[in-house]
Amino acid sequence: DSFTCYPTAPTPYHPVPLSLSICLWQMAINNIMSHWSRSNSENPTAQVTAKEALLSLVQGTEGKAWSASQSGWSSGSPLSVCQWEGITCKIGFNDSLSKVTSIRLPNAGLSGTIPTELGQLTYLEEFNLKGNLIRGSIPSELANLKQLNHLDLSDCLLTGTLPNRFESSTLSMLLLNENGLSGHFFNDETSPHLTSIQEIRLENNLLTGTIHSPTILQMGNLNTLSLSQNEISGVIPGYALGSLSNLEYLYLDSNNLVGPLPANLAQAGKSKIKELWVQSNALSGTVPATYERFDKLTDFFIDDNRLTGALTPNLCGPEINADFFNLIPDDAEEKNYCDHIACPAGSVGAEGVYPCSSCVGGDAA
């Protein structure tokens, strides 16, 4: 058998007109942009939805008066929402693809509640309404935002229950102090925010219950925990708090805490606490010798408790509670550095600390 090969006839070349090429190219670009917009914007009408969500903060006649004094903040404003007062965006290819990432309006005179519509701003990273007349509760729609990094609603008029969960695994600052929030401190150890949180400010609220150890153990990045002036009860979870190697500022004063000052709060190799406030509770027992490990300690307030015994001398020094002795010469005879922390047995002070004077009628303090 034999084969005969024949050359293949070349395919005829038909040049595409330039106008048709441009048209096809434009159609392809439009299709790509349309798909990108659908998959990456908050919804098909992202800009309209963002405007509506933001304008939900403008409530009643007070809100209208407030918005009139701001740049933007009205449905008829010619400005993009990204140009409104206090708004920051991540800019896209066009206005419809821009995403609101920050609402920053501290001490702005805004009055109202936190609207659920803010939950539509799924790219929101910062929400700061500190020092405004914000009433009502924190809606779950806000707590469910997964990109939230900084939440500051301190010094407002909030009430209701503290959310037990925040769904953002990047939340680092949670500032809700100076409000009327009730409920318990976080007790859901599966909440995504626990592993990223660095600062929690909840002082001067109405929180009750105990400090949940399994939750604390998840807060490996925590630097500051302030629960002062609440109604928290139970004991101080020493092992859990002492396991946090980044913890430097711990404020638990003016609560209903009982039991001893836990020795395992000061764990070898992890004791970085600089300020420890536990005054005005119902703590008992003695001050543990392990607290000598707090070699960076500058504030240590334990007065107004039921503590007994003497302080270990190595815990006392000129750098601890130094403000008490600001007006006393360094060589003054009455300068006892342990008096910075607590008056010794047989003496008393107006606040349990320096200046101390002998008790009237005996040695018992």
Protein backbone atom coordinates (compact mmCIF):
# COMPACT_ATOMS: atom_id res chain seq x y z
CA ASP A 1 0.00 0.00 0.00
CA SER A 2 1.15 3.52 -0.64
CA PHE A 3 -0.02 6.94 0.41
CA THR A 4 -0.07 10.05 -1.63
CA CYS A 5 0.19 13.32 0.26
CA TYR A 6 -1.45 16.44 -1.02
CA PRO A 7 -0.80 19.90 0.35
CA THR A 8 -3.61 21.32 2.50
CA ALA A 9 -5.27 24.32 0.97
CA PRO A 10 -4.63 27.43 3.05
CA THR A 11 -7.55 28.91 4.98
CA PRO A 12 -8.69 32.09 3.32
CA TYR A 13 -7.89 35.21 5.43
CA HIS A 14 -10.70 37.68 5.85
CA PRO A 15 -9.57 40.77 7.73
CA VAL A 16 -12.06 42.00 10.40
CA PRO A 17 -13.04 45.61 9.88
CA LEU A 18 -11.50 47.96 12.49
CA SER A 19 -14.88 49.26 13.62
CA LEU A 20 -16.09 45.70 14.28
CA SER A 21 -12.91 44.90 16.26
CA ILE A 22 -13.44 47.91 18.48
CA CYS A 23 -17.07 46.96 19.02
CA LEU A 24 -16.19 43.38 19.99
CA TRP A 25 -13.44 44.63 22.31
CA GLN A 26 -15.85 47.03 24.03
CA MET A 27 -18.45 44.28 24.47
CA ALA A 28 -15.83 42.05 26.09
CA ILE A 29 -14.76 44.81 28.48
CA ASN A 30 -18.37 45.55 29.39
CA ASN A 31 -19.02 41.89 30.13
CA ILE A 32 -15.95 41.69 32.37
CA MET A 33 -16.90 44.85 34.25
CA SER A 34 -20.49 43.69 34.64
CA HIS A 35 -19.38 40.37 36.08
CA TRP A 36 -16.84 42.07 38.39
CA SER A 37 -19.49 44.46 39.63
CA ARG A 38 -21.97 41.69 40.40
CA SER A 39 -19.40 39.60 42.27
CA ASN A 40 -17.56 42.34 44.15
CA SER A 41 -20.01 45.11 44.96
CA GLU A 42 -22.17 44.94 48.05
CA ASN A 43 -25.17 44.40 45.76
CA PRO A 44 -26.19 45.43 42.21
CA THR A 45 -27.07 48.94 43.47
CA ALA A 46 -24.16 49.33 45.85
CA GLN A 47 -23.94 53.11 45.72
CA VAL A 48 -27.69 53.58 46.27
CA THR A 49 -27.69 51.06 49.11
CA ALA A 50 -24.66 52.68 50.74
CA LYS A 51 -26.38 56.07 50.59
CA GLU A 52 -29.60 54.67 52.04
CA ALA A 53 -27.71 52.87 54.79
CA LEU A 54 -25.81 56.00 55.77
CA LEU A 55 -28.90 58.21 55.66
CA SER A 56 -30.60 55.83 58.09
CA LEU A 57 -28.38 57.49 60.72
CA VAL A 58 -30.22 60.77 60.06
CA GLN A 59 -33.32 60.47 62.23
CA GLY A 60 -36.09 62.94 63.10
CA THR A 61 -35.92 66.69 63.16
CA GLU A 62 -32.69 66.67 65.17
CA GLY A 63 -31.08 64.46 62.55
CA LYS A 64 -32.20 66.72 59.71
CA ALA A 65 -30.80 69.73 61.51
CA TRP A 66 -27.53 67.86 62.03
CA SER A 67 -27.27 66.78 58.38
CA ALA A 68 -27.84 70.33 57.19
CA SER A 69 -24.59 71.33 58.89
CA GLN A 70 -22.54 68.50 57.38
CA SER A 71 -20.85 68.05 54.04
CA GLY A 72 -23.02 65.61 52.11
CA TRP A 73 -25.45 63.64 54.29
CA SER A 74 -28.58 64.29 52.24
CA SER A 75 -30.31 62.36 49.48
CA GLY A 76 -30.00 65.35 47.17
CA SER A 77 -26.30 65.94 47.73
CA PRO A 78 -24.27 66.08 44.50
CA LEU A 79 -21.34 64.55 46.37
CA SER A 80 -20.52 60.88 46.28
CA VAL A 81 -20.98 59.25 49.70
CA CYS A 82 -17.21 58.81 49.72
CA GLN A 83 -16.94 62.59 49.95
CA TRP A 84 -19.35 62.96 52.84
CA GLU A 85 -18.13 64.21 56.21
CA GLY A 86 -16.66 61.34 58.24
CA ILE A 87 -16.85 58.73 55.47
CA THR A 88 -13.93 56.82 54.01
CA CYS A 89 -14.21 54.46 51.06
CA LYS A 90 -12.19 51.93 49.20
CA ILE A 91 -12.45 53.37 45.73
CA GLY A 92 -13.35 51.09 42.81
CA PHE A 93 -13.24 51.64 39.07
CA ASN A 94 -16.27 53.89 39.31
CA ASP A 95 -18.60 55.28 41.99
CA SER A 96 -20.90 52.26 41.87
CA LEU A 97 -18.00 50.02 42.90
CA SER A 98 -16.80 52.15 45.83
CA LYS A 99 -17.22 50.56 49.24
CA VAL A 100 -17.69 52.37 52.55
CA THR A 101 -14.96 51.22 54.94
CA SER A 102 -15.14 53.82 57.72
CA ILE A 103 -17.75 55.94 59.48
CA ARG A 104 -15.89 58.27 61.83
CA LEU A 105 -18.06 60.92 63.52
CA PRO A 106 -16.85 61.28 67.16
CA ASN A 107 -18.41 64.05 69.25
CA ALA A 108 -20.34 65.26 66.21
CA GLY A 109 -23.65 66.09 67.92
CA LEU A 110 -25.47 63.23 66.22
CA SER A 111 -28.65 62.00 67.91
CA GLY A 112 -30.59 58.77 67.33
CA THR A 113 -30.21 54.99 67.37
CA ILE A 114 -27.96 52.59 65.48
CA PRO A 115 -29.98 51.48 62.44
CA THR A 116 -30.02 47.88 61.25
CA GLU A 117 -29.41 49.12 57.70
CA LEU A 118 -25.73 49.55 58.55
CA GLY A 119 -25.44 45.79 58.26
CA GLN A 120 -25.57 46.27 54.48
CA LEU A 121 -22.17 47.97 54.57
CA THR A 122 -20.37 44.66 54.47
CA TYR A 123 -16.94 46.23 53.92
CA LEU A 124 -17.14 48.47 56.99
CA GLU A 125 -13.92 48.34 59.02
CA GLU A 126 -14.36 51.25 61.43
CA PHE A 127 -17.48 52.59 63.14
CA ASN A 128 -16.84 55.47 65.53
CA LEU A 129 -19.72 57.46 67.02
CA LYS A 130 -17.98 58.18 70.33
CA GLY A 131 -19.51 60.94 72.42
CA ASN A 132 -22.79 61.27 70.53
CA LEU A 133 -26.37 61.00 71.79
CA ILE A 134 -26.81 57.43 70.55
CA ARG A 135 -29.61 55.58 72.33
CA GLY A 136 -31.00 52.05 72.21
CA SER A 137 -29.11 48.81 71.79
CA ILE A 138 -26.33 47.50 69.57
CA PRO A 139 -28.12 45.68 66.72
CA SER A 140 -26.97 42.21 65.71
CA GLU A 141 -26.56 43.48 62.16
CA LEU A 142 -23.65 45.63 63.36
CA ALA A 143 -22.12 42.85 65.45
CA ASN A 144 -22.34 40.51 62.45
CA LEU A 145 -20.14 42.65 60.16
CA LYS A 146 -17.17 40.47 59.25
CA GLN A 147 -14.66 43.16 58.26
CA LEU A 148 -15.06 45.31 61.39
CA ASN A 149 -11.74 46.24 62.97
CA HIS A 150 -12.49 49.23 65.21
CA LEU A 151 -15.78 49.81 67.05
CA ASP A 152 -16.00 52.89 69.28
CA LEU A 153 -19.38 53.70 70.81
CA SER A 154 -17.98 54.96 74.10
CA ASP A 155 -19.61 57.76 76.07
CA CYS A 156 -23.00 57.40 74.40
CA LEU A 157 -26.42 56.51 75.87
CA LEU A 158 -26.58 52.87 74.84
CA THR A 159 -28.72 50.38 76.74
CA GLY A 160 -29.70 46.78 76.16
CA THR A 161 -27.54 43.68 76.31
CA LEU A 162 -23.90 43.48 75.33
CA PRO A 163 -23.69 41.25 72.21
CA ASN A 164 -22.16 37.92 73.14
CA ARG A 165 -20.56 37.51 69.72
CA PHE A 166 -18.87 39.71 67.15
CA GLU A 167 -18.41 37.95 63.84
CA SER A 168 -15.29 39.79 62.68
CA SER A 169 -12.07 37.82 63.06
CA THR A 170 -10.11 41.08 62.64
CA LEU A 171 -11.79 43.12 65.38
CA SER A 172 -8.98 44.64 67.46
CA MET A 173 -10.58 47.53 69.36
CA LEU A 174 -13.94 47.32 71.15
CA LEU A 175 -14.67 50.54 73.03
CA LEU A 176 -18.11 50.55 74.65
CA ASN A 177 -17.34 52.24 77.97
CA GLU A 178 -19.50 54.92 79.62
CA ASN A 179 -22.89 53.50 78.61
CA GLY A 180 -25.73 51.57 80.23
CA LEU A 181 -25.10 48.15 78.71
CA SER A 182 -26.26 45.14 80.70
CA GLY A 183 -25.81 41.38 80.42
CA HIS A 184 -22.68 39.31 80.93
CA PHE A 185 -19.11 39.69 79.82
CA PHE A 186 -18.34 37.45 76.81
CA ASN A 187 -18.94 33.78 77.57
CA ASP A 188 -18.98 32.26 74.08
CA GLU A 189 -15.45 31.00 73.48
CA THR A 190 -16.22 30.36 69.79
CA SER A 191 -16.82 34.02 68.94
CA PRO A 192 -14.54 35.00 66.00
CA HIS A 193 -13.47 38.30 67.57
CA LEU A 194 -11.74 36.75 70.57
CA THR A 195 -8.52 35.77 68.79
CA SER A 196 -7.92 39.22 67.28
CA ILE A 197 -9.11 41.55 70.05
CA GLN A 198 -6.42 43.77 71.57
CA GLU A 199 -8.37 46.34 73.61
CA ILE A 200 -11.70 45.94 75.42
CA ARG A 201 -13.13 48.96 77.23
CA LEU A 202 -16.39 48.23 79.04
CA GLU A 203 -15.99 50.30 82.20
CA ASN A 204 -18.93 52.15 83.70
CA ASN A 205 -21.73 49.93 82.43
CA LEU A 206 -24.18 47.58 84.14
CA LEU A 207 -22.60 44.22 83.39
CA THR A 208 -23.22 41.32 85.76
CA GLY A 209 -22.12 37.69 86.05
CA THR A 210 -18.60 36.35 86.22
CA ILE A 211 -15.47 36.56 84.07
CA HIS A 212 -15.53 33.43 81.92
CA SER A 213 -12.13 31.69 81.91
CA PRO A 214 -12.51 29.71 78.64
CA THR A 215 -13.34 32.95 76.83
CA ILE A 216 -10.35 34.79 78.31
CA LEU A 217 -8.03 31.99 77.22
CA GLN A 218 -8.96 32.66 73.58
CA MET A 219 -7.79 36.30 73.77
CA GLY A 220 -4.13 35.73 73.02
CA ASN A 221 -3.62 39.24 71.60
CA LEU A 222 -5.37 41.13 74.41
CA ASN A 223 -3.39 44.09 75.71
CA THR A 224 -6.05 46.05 77.65
CA LEU A 225 -9.10 44.81 79.55
CA SER A 226 -11.19 47.36 81.44
CA LEU A 227 -14.26 46.16 83.35
CA SER A 228 -14.18 48.84 86.06
CA GLN A 229 -17.39 50.11 87.66
CA ASN A 230 -19.76 47.32 86.75
CA GLU A 231 -21.52 44.71 88.87
CA ILE A 232 -19.34 41.72 88.00
CA SER A 233 -19.09 39.04 90.69
CA GLY A 234 -17.15 35.86 91.37
CA VAL A 235 -13.41 35.44 91.59
CA ILE A 236 -10.60 36.79 89.43
CA PRO A 237 -9.68 34.03 86.92
CA GLY A 238 -5.97 34.19 87.66
CA TYR A 239 -4.74 31.35 85.46
CA ALA A 240 -6.65 32.53 82.38
CA LEU A 241 -5.64 36.19 82.73
CA GLY A 242 -2.10 35.26 83.70
CA SER A 243 -1.78 33.16 80.54
CA LEU A 244 -2.19 36.23 78.33
CA SER A 245 1.40 37.17 77.54
CA ASN A 246 0.38 40.45 75.86
CA LEU A 247 -1.80 41.74 78.71
CA GLU A 248 -0.44 45.00 80.16
CA TYR A 249 -3.47 46.89 81.49
CA LEU A 250 -6.05 45.18 83.70
CA TYR A 251 -8.81 47.21 85.37
CA LEU A 252 -11.28 45.28 87.55
CA ASP A 253 -11.96 47.88 90.25
CA SER A 254 -15.36 48.83 91.65
CA ASN A 255 -17.12 45.51 91.12
CA ASN A 256 -18.34 42.71 93.42
CA LEU A 257 -15.33 40.42 93.09
CA VAL A 258 -14.53 38.09 96.01
CA GLY A 259 -11.84 35.64 97.00
CA PRO A 260 -8.08 36.13 97.02
CA LEU A 261 -5.78 37.93 94.67
CA PRO A 262 -4.76 34.93 92.54
CA ALA A 263 -1.07 34.05 92.72
CA ASN A 264 -1.15 32.59 89.18
CA LEU A 265 -2.05 35.97 87.74
CA ALA A 266 1.72 36.51 87.76
CA GLN A 267 3.10 33.58 85.77
CA ALA A 268 6.80 33.14 85.10
CA GLY A 269 7.75 34.50 81.69
CA LYS A 270 4.32 36.01 81.02
CA SER A 271 4.01 38.76 83.63
CA LYS A 272 3.91 41.99 81.63
CA ILE A 273 1.19 43.85 83.53
CA LYS A 274 1.93 47.55 83.96
CA GLU A 275 -1.33 48.68 85.57
CA LEU A 276 -3.46 46.52 87.87
CA TRP A 277 -6.55 48.07 89.45
CA VAL A 278 -8.59 45.86 91.80
CA GLN A 279 -9.63 48.41 94.43
CA SER A 280 -13.19 48.68 95.76
CA ASN A 281 -14.14 45.00 95.64
CA ALA A 282 -14.52 42.40 98.40
CA LEU A 283 -11.20 40.64 97.94
CA SER A 284 -9.60 38.88 100.91
CA GLY A 285 -6.36 37.16 101.85
CA THR A 286 -2.88 38.51 101.28
CA VAL A 287 -1.00 39.96 98.33
CA PRO A 288 0.85 37.03 96.70
CA ALA A 289 4.65 37.10 96.68
CA THR A 290 4.50 36.06 93.01
CA TYR A 291 3.48 39.64 92.18
CA GLU A 292 7.16 40.51 92.41
CA ARG A 293 7.26 39.15 88.85
CA PHE A 294 5.39 42.28 87.71
CA ASP A 295 8.66 44.09 87.12
CA LYS A 296 7.02 46.66 84.82
CA LEU A 297 4.26 47.57 87.28
CA THR A 298 3.54 51.30 87.68
CA ASP A 299 -0.06 51.34 88.98
CA PHE A 300 -1.17 48.85 91.65
CA PHE A 301 -4.38 49.78 93.49
CA ILE A 302 -5.76 47.32 96.06
CA ASP A 303 -7.39 49.61 98.65
CA ASP A 304 -11.00 49.28 99.82
CA ASN A 305 -10.92 45.48 100.05
CA ARG A 306 -10.56 42.98 102.90
CA LEU A 307 -6.93 42.16 102.34
CA THR A 308 -4.64 41.42 105.27
CA GLY A 309 -0.97 40.81 105.94
CA ALA A 310 2.13 42.73 104.92
CA LEU A 311 3.36 43.50 101.45
CA THR A 312 6.50 41.75 100.28
CA PRO A 313 9.22 44.46 100.30
CA ASN A 314 10.37 43.67 96.77
CA LEU A 315 6.96 44.70 95.48
CA CYS A 316 7.33 48.22 96.87
CA GLY A 317 9.36 50.81 95.06
CA PRO A 318 9.44 54.44 93.91
CA GLU A 319 8.06 53.59 90.48
CA ILE A 320 4.75 52.13 91.77
CA ASN A 321 1.88 54.60 92.33
CA ALA A 322 4.46 57.37 92.21
CA ASP A 323 1.81 60.10 91.94
CA PHE A 324 1.04 59.73 95.64
CA PHE A 325 4.49 61.08 96.55
CA ASN A 326 4.89 63.79 93.95
CA LEU A 327 5.05 66.54 96.59
CA ILE A 328 7.20 64.65 99.11
CA PRO A 329 11.01 65.12 98.98
CA ASP A 330 12.95 62.02 98.02
CA ASP A 331 14.83 62.02 101.34
CA ALA A 332 11.75 62.47 103.55
CA GLU A 333 11.74 60.10 106.54
CA GLU A 334 8.01 59.38 106.26
CA LYS A 335 8.39 58.13 102.71
CA ASN A 336 7.56 54.41 102.88
CA TYR A 337 7.10 53.09 99.37
CA CYS A 338 4.77 50.32 100.55
CA ASP A 339 2.35 53.04 101.65
CA HIS A 340 1.87 53.77 97.96
CA ILE A 341 -0.01 50.48 97.75
CA ALA A 342 -1.71 50.06 101.14
CA CYS A 343 -1.41 51.40 104.67
CA PRO A 344 0.31 48.92 107.01
CA ALA A 345 -1.44 47.20 109.93
CA GLY A 346 -2.20 49.60 112.75
CA SER A 347 -2.60 52.58 110.45
CA VAL A 348 -5.26 54.05 108.26
CA GLY A 349 -5.56 56.39 105.29
CA ALA A 350 -8.49 58.29 103.82
CA GLU A 351 -8.46 55.91 100.85
CA GLY A 352 -6.46 53.08 102.41
CA VAL A 353 -3.20 54.39 101.01
CA TYR A 354 -0.73 57.19 101.65
CA PRO A 355 -0.89 59.39 103.66
CA CYS A 356 -1.26 56.86 106.48
CA SER A 357 -1.66 57.62 110.19
CA SER A 358 -1.78 55.47 113.32
CA CYS A 359 -5.15 54.03 114.26
CA VAL A 360 -6.81 55.54 117.33
CA GLY A 361 -7.14 53.13 120.25
CA GLY A 362 -4.83 50.31 119.29
CA ASP A 363 -2.84 48.46 116.70
CA ALA A 364 -5.73 46.83 114.89
CA ALA A 365 -6.36 48.43 111.50
